[in-house]
Every structure is written in structure tokens, then in C-alpha cells.
Amino acid sequence: MAATATSSIDPSTAFVGAPTTRTDFTACVDACVRAMLAASPAVIAQGAIEQLRCWLGDRQTCLADGTPLDHDLFDETLLGVEERIPHSHVATPRELLRATRRLAESIYATP
């Protein structure tokens, strides 16, 4: 069952509900990666990471088209981060890779 979509993604606050489209989910993941690139990512991204972890752990949460919000979708979404976040917004591609890896490690870490 899909919840209402968030209209504005702000990684410093909790999300209202699960995303209803792939685009919404991608925006959530990208917001988390951008937060990981910030000066104090642990503080900024923690709420967003916890929300992603909650969605991914709930087997009942799906997108409107029936696609489950699961780790497969998360992994697939992470693979395209480099294409969606221009390098002009980060110091180096290596930093983007590092932020993406840190997000994945945060999601897959045992709470």
C-alpha cells in the first residue's frame, strides 16, 4: 500500500510518507547522497537515512505501480546517482562515490 508522496524532499526533516513513484524514491535517495556530501552529514542525513531504512524494511510498502520499496530498488537507484548528480555539485567524482558508498553502508548496517 503506497502512502502519499512528499512534494519537497528535505533530508534534514523526516519524510511525510513513502514515495508513490520511482521519481519520488530516486529524489529521496539523491537527497540522502547530497546530505552525505554536506559538511556534517551525520546530523543532516540521519532522519532521511532512518526513513529510507524504515521503508526498505517494510515489506508492505510499495510504489503506486506495485514495485516494492526494497533493497533491490535501492541498489538500482544508487547505481544511477553519478548520472543524476552533476559533478559540478561535488568537488570530485571520488567524493560522490564515497558519499554513495557511505549511504549504502548506513542503510545496510544493522540498526
Foldseek 3Di string as FASTA:
>chain_A
DFDDAAPDAFQQDAGPGHHQDLVSVLVLLLNLLLLLQDPDSCNRRVRSLVNLLVQQVDQPYAHNVRHRSHVVSVVVSLVCSPVVDDCVSHVGVVSSVVSSVVSVCSSPDDD
